[in-house]
Amino acid sequence: MKFTILGKTNLKVSRIGFGALPIQRVSVRTAVRILNSAFESGINFFDTARGYSDSEEKLGIAFAGKRHKIIIATKVHGTTKKEVLDLIQISLKQLRTDYIDVLQLHFPRQIPDFDNPDSPYAALKEAQKKGMARFIGITTHRLKDAKKAIKSRIFDTVQYPLSLLSSKKELEIIDICRKCNTGLIAMKPLCGGLLTDIPLAFGFLWQFKNIVPIWGIQRMKELKQIVELSRNPPEIDKELNKKIRQEKQILGSSFCRGCGYCLPCPTEIPIPMAARMRFLLRRAPYKNFLTT
């Protein structure tokens, strides 16, 4: 397994991260088996969230007795210091640990006021001061917020959607993170399932050594594919660059990330679902889409 340093945290993490959102869809037994297989394959970085139903609990069960050998990143979403601190306590209990390696503020509507003693950021700092969190980070789908968070140098890590569909402006944050020594975690490397050429998507992100993509995994075959790609990563040559251009032509760069920032709709239209259907129809002709 290849490793990288996660910015100023100095944590040595596997270059493929395990995205633990999908394991909420499988049984505890299956989840534990997949998580332990990931660990045995060399993956040591696991990303979850308080909002992923029983995902944290499954990690806690799987890694009981070897907590010190893995790096856990989780996320909390709240608008006040008390709300966030309460959620952190739940996460610690579910994960069966007394500390979180990377504690991330999850999709805030805006970058929190660093000087407000009752802000979610204040909760992260208090958790860090009390030893409940080693490092703190933030996740966002907004490019301007990602850049603001990085340049503030307040957060140790930033998590942002990055993939071969990312625009040039979005890819700029790779160098910004490198210059600011901020750990960069890439969510949605497959754009929520829009990208189906896994080797192509993997190879594109593998070019950037300071990115740690988190691959959502819920099946053993998915884990094996990602691990094998890390052992024999595709080289981005002329042929693969051609495929990348084709993917961008089909899907564009303004794809729906499913962040939900457009909700609630006053007329109750499920906007993210409608947007994603539009991109799926671009990939497959309408008459074929109905029969697949």
Protein backbone atom coordinates (compact mmCIF):
# COMPACT_ATOMS: atom_id res chain seq x y z
CA MET A 1 0.00 0.00 0.00
CA LYS A 2 1.22 3.49 -0.85
CA PHE A 3 1.00 6.21 1.81
CA THR A 4 1.07 9.99 1.94
CA ILE A 5 1.27 12.65 4.64
CA LEU A 6 -2.06 14.36 5.30
CA GLY A 7 -0.88 17.97 5.32
CA LYS A 8 0.03 19.61 8.61
CA THR A 9 -1.45 16.70 10.58
CA ASN A 10 1.68 14.68 9.68
CA LEU A 11 -0.56 11.61 9.73
CA LYS A 12 0.75 8.88 7.44
CA VAL A 13 -2.39 7.73 5.66
CA SER A 14 -3.04 5.25 2.89
CA ARG A 15 -3.43 6.96 -0.49
CA ILE A 16 -6.81 5.28 -0.82
CA GLY A 17 -9.28 6.15 1.88
CA PHE A 18 -12.24 4.00 2.83
CA GLY A 19 -15.51 5.91 2.50
CA ALA A 20 -17.80 4.37 5.10
CA LEU A 21 -21.10 5.89 4.02
CA PRO A 22 -22.19 2.81 1.98
CA ILE A 23 -21.62 0.29 4.78
CA GLN A 24 -24.77 1.61 6.46
CA ARG A 25 -26.62 -0.33 3.75
CA VAL A 26 -25.22 -3.74 4.68
CA SER A 27 -25.46 -5.95 7.76
CA VAL A 28 -23.09 -5.55 10.71
CA ARG A 29 -21.47 -8.90 9.88
CA THR A 30 -20.84 -7.93 6.25
CA ALA A 31 -19.59 -4.46 7.20
CA VAL A 32 -17.14 -5.85 9.77
CA ARG A 33 -15.82 -8.36 7.25
CA ILE A 34 -15.26 -5.67 4.60
CA LEU A 35 -13.68 -3.22 7.04
CA ASN A 36 -11.25 -5.81 8.38
CA SER A 37 -10.35 -6.87 4.84
CA ALA A 38 -9.64 -3.22 4.02
CA PHE A 39 -7.37 -2.98 7.06
CA GLU A 40 -5.56 -6.20 6.15
CA SER A 41 -5.06 -4.82 2.63
CA GLY A 42 -3.16 -1.86 4.06
CA ILE A 43 -5.88 0.80 4.22
CA ASN A 44 -5.58 2.75 7.45
CA PHE A 45 -7.73 5.82 6.73
CA PHE A 46 -11.49 5.49 7.30
CA ASP A 47 -13.92 8.36 6.75
CA THR A 48 -17.41 8.32 8.24
CA ALA A 49 -19.93 10.75 9.74
CA ARG A 50 -22.41 11.08 12.60
CA GLY A 51 -25.13 11.42 9.99
CA TYR A 52 -24.41 8.07 8.28
CA SER A 53 -26.87 6.12 10.48
CA ASP A 54 -24.92 3.15 11.96
CA SER A 55 -21.68 3.63 10.00
CA GLU A 56 -19.73 4.85 13.05
CA GLU A 57 -21.05 1.99 15.15
CA LYS A 58 -19.89 -0.56 12.58
CA LEU A 59 -16.40 0.94 12.54
CA GLY A 60 -16.33 0.75 16.32
CA ILE A 61 -17.22 -2.94 16.28
CA ALA A 62 -14.79 -3.81 13.48
CA PHE A 63 -11.78 -2.08 14.98
CA ALA A 64 -12.21 -2.88 18.65
CA GLY A 65 -8.75 -3.84 19.89
CA LYS A 66 -6.83 -2.20 17.07
CA ARG A 67 -7.98 1.39 17.31
CA HIS A 68 -4.38 2.63 17.56
CA LYS A 69 -3.57 1.08 14.17
CA ILE A 70 -6.12 3.04 12.17
CA ILE A 71 -6.92 6.69 11.46
CA ILE A 72 -10.56 7.70 11.78
CA ALA A 73 -12.07 10.82 10.27
CA THR A 74 -15.66 11.59 11.14
CA LYS A 75 -17.98 14.54 10.64
CA VAL A 76 -20.47 16.45 12.74
CA HIS A 77 -23.12 18.89 11.58
CA GLY A 78 -24.46 21.59 13.84
CA THR A 79 -25.03 25.30 14.19
CA THR A 80 -24.06 25.87 17.84
CA LYS A 81 -21.17 24.88 20.05
CA LYS A 82 -23.37 22.80 22.36
CA GLU A 83 -25.06 20.96 19.50
CA VAL A 84 -21.72 20.00 17.96
CA LEU A 85 -20.19 18.96 21.30
CA ASP A 86 -23.19 16.72 22.02
CA LEU A 87 -22.79 15.05 18.62
CA ILE A 88 -19.07 14.52 19.22
CA GLN A 89 -19.88 12.62 22.41
CA ILE A 90 -22.24 10.34 20.47
CA SER A 91 -19.58 9.74 17.81
CA LEU A 92 -16.99 8.78 20.43
CA LYS A 93 -19.41 6.32 21.99
CA GLN A 94 -20.39 4.76 18.66
CA LEU A 95 -16.78 4.52 17.48
CA ARG A 96 -15.76 2.97 20.83
CA THR A 97 -12.89 5.39 21.23
CA ASP A 98 -11.92 8.36 23.36
CA TYR A 99 -10.49 10.39 20.49
CA ILE A 100 -11.09 11.13 16.81
CA ASP A 101 -8.08 11.60 14.56
CA VAL A 102 -9.70 14.10 12.16
CA LEU A 103 -12.88 15.78 13.36
CA GLN A 104 -14.62 17.59 10.49
CA LEU A 105 -17.37 20.18 10.46
CA HIS A 106 -19.86 18.74 7.99
CA PHE A 107 -21.23 20.91 5.14
CA PRO A 108 -21.73 24.20 7.03
CA ARG A 109 -23.90 26.71 5.20
CA GLN A 110 -21.00 29.13 5.51
CA ILE A 111 -17.52 29.18 7.00
CA PRO A 112 -18.08 29.61 10.77
CA ASP A 113 -17.11 32.76 12.60
CA PHE A 114 -13.74 31.94 14.13
CA ASP A 115 -14.19 34.56 16.86
CA ASN A 116 -17.68 33.48 17.96
CA PRO A 117 -17.39 31.51 21.25
CA ASP A 118 -20.69 29.72 20.51
CA SER A 119 -19.86 28.69 16.93
CA PRO A 120 -19.39 25.13 15.64
CA TYR A 121 -15.73 26.00 15.15
CA ALA A 122 -15.44 26.78 18.86
CA ALA A 123 -16.78 23.28 19.55
CA LEU A 124 -14.10 21.71 17.35
CA LYS A 125 -11.37 23.68 19.13
CA GLU A 126 -12.71 22.71 22.56
CA ALA A 127 -12.84 19.04 21.53
CA GLN A 128 -9.25 19.34 20.36
CA LYS A 129 -8.19 21.06 23.59
CA LYS A 130 -9.78 18.29 25.67
CA GLY A 131 -8.12 15.52 23.64
CA MET A 132 -11.31 14.33 21.96
CA ALA A 133 -9.95 15.34 18.56
CA ARG A 134 -6.37 15.31 17.35
CA PHE A 135 -6.97 17.49 14.28
CA ILE A 136 -9.87 19.47 12.86
CA GLY A 137 -11.20 19.89 9.34
CA ILE A 138 -14.15 21.02 7.28
CA THR A 139 -16.14 19.57 4.39
CA THR A 140 -17.87 21.63 1.73
CA HIS A 141 -19.24 21.50 -1.81
CA ARG A 142 -18.65 25.21 -2.38
CA LEU A 143 -15.36 26.11 -4.07
CA LYS A 144 -15.22 29.60 -2.57
CA ASP A 145 -15.70 28.17 0.93
CA ALA A 146 -13.05 25.50 0.34
CA LYS A 147 -10.53 28.14 -0.75
CA LYS A 148 -11.43 30.39 2.19
CA ALA A 149 -11.00 27.52 4.65
CA ILE A 150 -7.65 26.52 3.17
CA LYS A 151 -6.24 30.03 3.05
CA SER A 152 -7.37 30.74 6.61
CA ARG A 153 -4.92 28.02 7.74
CA ILE A 154 -7.34 27.42 10.61
CA PHE A 155 -8.27 23.90 9.54
CA ASP A 156 -5.87 20.97 9.30
CA THR A 157 -7.85 19.32 6.49
CA VAL A 158 -10.41 20.24 3.85
CA GLN A 159 -12.72 17.75 2.16
CA TYR A 160 -14.07 18.72 -1.26
CA PRO A 161 -15.53 16.89 -4.30
CA LEU A 162 -12.71 16.19 -6.77
CA SER A 163 -12.75 13.95 -9.82
CA LEU A 164 -11.83 13.86 -13.48
CA LEU A 165 -14.89 16.05 -14.08
CA SER A 166 -13.51 18.83 -11.88
CA SER A 167 -12.93 22.17 -13.57
CA LYS A 168 -9.53 23.88 -13.76
CA LYS A 169 -10.63 26.31 -11.06
CA GLU A 170 -11.54 23.44 -8.76
CA LEU A 171 -8.25 21.66 -9.38
CA GLU A 172 -6.44 24.83 -8.27
CA ILE A 173 -7.14 23.89 -4.66
CA ILE A 174 -4.66 21.01 -5.00
CA ASP A 175 -1.77 23.46 -5.25
CA ILE A 176 -3.33 25.81 -2.70
CA CYS A 177 -3.49 22.95 -0.19
CA ARG A 178 0.10 22.02 -0.96
CA LYS A 179 1.31 25.59 -0.37
CA CYS A 180 -0.73 25.95 2.84
CA ASN A 181 0.18 22.42 3.99
CA THR A 182 -3.51 21.58 4.36
CA GLY A 183 -4.57 17.95 4.10
CA LEU A 184 -6.80 17.44 1.05
CA ILE A 185 -9.49 14.75 1.17
CA ALA A 186 -11.39 14.13 -2.06
CA MET A 187 -15.04 13.13 -1.70
CA LYS A 188 -17.18 11.77 -4.54
CA PRO A 189 -14.33 10.55 -6.78
CA LEU A 190 -16.93 8.73 -8.89
CA CYS A 191 -19.37 11.68 -8.80
CA GLY A 192 -21.96 9.64 -6.94
CA GLY A 193 -21.97 6.89 -9.57
CA LEU A 194 -21.97 9.06 -12.70
CA LEU A 195 -18.45 7.86 -13.53
CA THR A 196 -18.44 4.17 -14.39
CA ASP A 197 -14.88 3.76 -15.68
CA ILE A 198 -13.27 3.07 -12.29
CA PRO A 199 -9.65 2.72 -13.52
CA LEU A 200 -9.93 6.02 -15.38
CA ALA A 201 -11.36 7.84 -12.36
CA PHE A 202 -8.76 6.25 -10.10
CA GLY A 203 -5.83 7.03 -12.39
CA PHE A 204 -6.81 10.68 -12.71
CA LEU A 205 -6.73 11.33 -8.96
CA TRP A 206 -3.68 9.13 -8.40
CA GLN A 207 -1.60 11.73 -10.28
CA PHE A 208 -1.88 14.11 -7.33
CA LYS A 209 0.14 12.82 -4.39
CA ASN A 210 -1.34 15.18 -1.81
CA ILE A 211 -4.93 14.04 -2.46
CA VAL A 212 -6.53 11.30 -0.37
CA PRO A 213 -9.69 10.16 -2.21
CA ILE A 214 -12.30 8.37 -0.15
CA TRP A 215 -13.86 5.55 -2.13
CA GLY A 216 -17.34 4.56 -1.02
CA ILE A 217 -17.30 0.78 -0.53
CA GLN A 218 -20.08 -1.62 0.39
CA ARG A 219 -19.06 -4.80 -1.45
CA MET A 220 -15.96 -6.95 -1.22
CA LYS A 221 -15.47 -6.84 -4.98
CA GLU A 222 -15.38 -3.03 -4.86
CA LEU A 223 -12.70 -3.14 -2.18
CA LYS A 224 -10.62 -5.64 -4.14
CA GLN A 225 -10.83 -3.51 -7.29
CA ILE A 226 -9.65 -0.34 -5.54
CA VAL A 227 -6.83 -2.15 -3.73
CA GLU A 228 -5.65 -3.75 -6.98
CA LEU A 229 -5.69 -0.36 -8.71
CA SER A 230 -3.50 1.06 -5.91
CA ARG A 231 -0.99 -1.71 -6.56
CA ASN A 232 -1.04 -1.18 -10.32
CA PRO A 233 -2.25 2.39 -10.84
CA PRO A 234 -3.16 3.34 -14.42
CA GLU A 235 -0.78 5.82 -16.01
CA ILE A 236 -2.49 8.83 -17.52
CA ASP A 237 -1.22 8.68 -21.09
CA LYS A 238 -2.60 10.05 -24.37
CA GLU A 239 -5.26 7.35 -24.57
CA LEU A 240 -6.55 7.94 -21.05
CA ASN A 241 -6.47 11.70 -21.55
CA LYS A 242 -8.67 11.18 -24.59
CA LYS A 243 -11.13 9.19 -22.47
CA ILE A 244 -11.13 11.94 -19.84
CA ARG A 245 -12.03 14.52 -22.49
CA GLN A 246 -14.83 12.26 -23.69
CA GLU A 247 -16.25 11.92 -20.17
CA LYS A 248 -16.19 15.68 -19.71
CA GLN A 249 -17.90 16.16 -23.04
CA ILE A 250 -20.69 13.76 -22.08
CA LEU A 251 -21.20 14.83 -18.48
CA GLY A 252 -19.71 18.32 -18.35
CA SER A 253 -18.14 19.86 -15.25
CA SER A 254 -21.28 21.33 -13.65
CA PHE A 255 -22.69 17.98 -12.53
CA CYS A 256 -24.98 17.66 -9.52
CA ARG A 257 -23.02 16.64 -6.43
CA GLY A 258 -26.12 15.86 -4.39
CA CYS A 259 -25.15 18.37 -1.71
CA GLY A 260 -28.74 19.48 -1.12
CA TYR A 261 -27.85 23.18 -0.97
CA CYS A 262 -30.67 23.80 -3.48
CA LEU A 263 -33.26 22.44 -1.04
CA PRO A 264 -35.91 22.82 0.16
CA CYS A 265 -37.71 23.59 -3.09
CA PRO A 266 -40.81 25.76 -2.52
CA THR A 267 -42.77 23.55 -4.93
CA GLU A 268 -41.33 20.32 -3.45
CA ILE A 269 -39.39 19.34 -6.57
CA PRO A 270 -36.59 16.83 -5.75
CA ILE A 271 -33.99 18.99 -7.50
CA PRO A 272 -30.88 16.80 -6.93
CA MET A 273 -32.68 13.72 -8.28
CA ALA A 274 -33.92 15.62 -11.33
CA ALA A 275 -30.45 17.04 -12.01
CA ARG A 276 -28.79 13.63 -11.74
CA MET A 277 -31.36 12.04 -14.06
CA ARG A 278 -30.49 14.68 -16.65
CA PHE A 279 -26.84 13.62 -16.59
CA LEU A 280 -27.70 9.92 -16.73
CA LEU A 281 -29.76 10.59 -19.82
CA ARG A 282 -26.76 12.27 -21.42
CA ARG A 283 -24.80 9.05 -21.03
CA ALA A 284 -27.47 6.74 -22.42
CA PRO A 285 -30.01 7.43 -25.19
CA TYR A 286 -33.51 7.86 -23.82
CA LYS A 287 -34.92 4.78 -25.51
CA ASN A 288 -32.15 2.62 -24.09
CA PHE A 289 -32.33 4.20 -20.65
CA LEU A 290 -35.88 2.99 -20.16
CA THR A 291 -34.91 -0.63 -20.82
CA THR A 292 -31.80 -0.80 -18.63
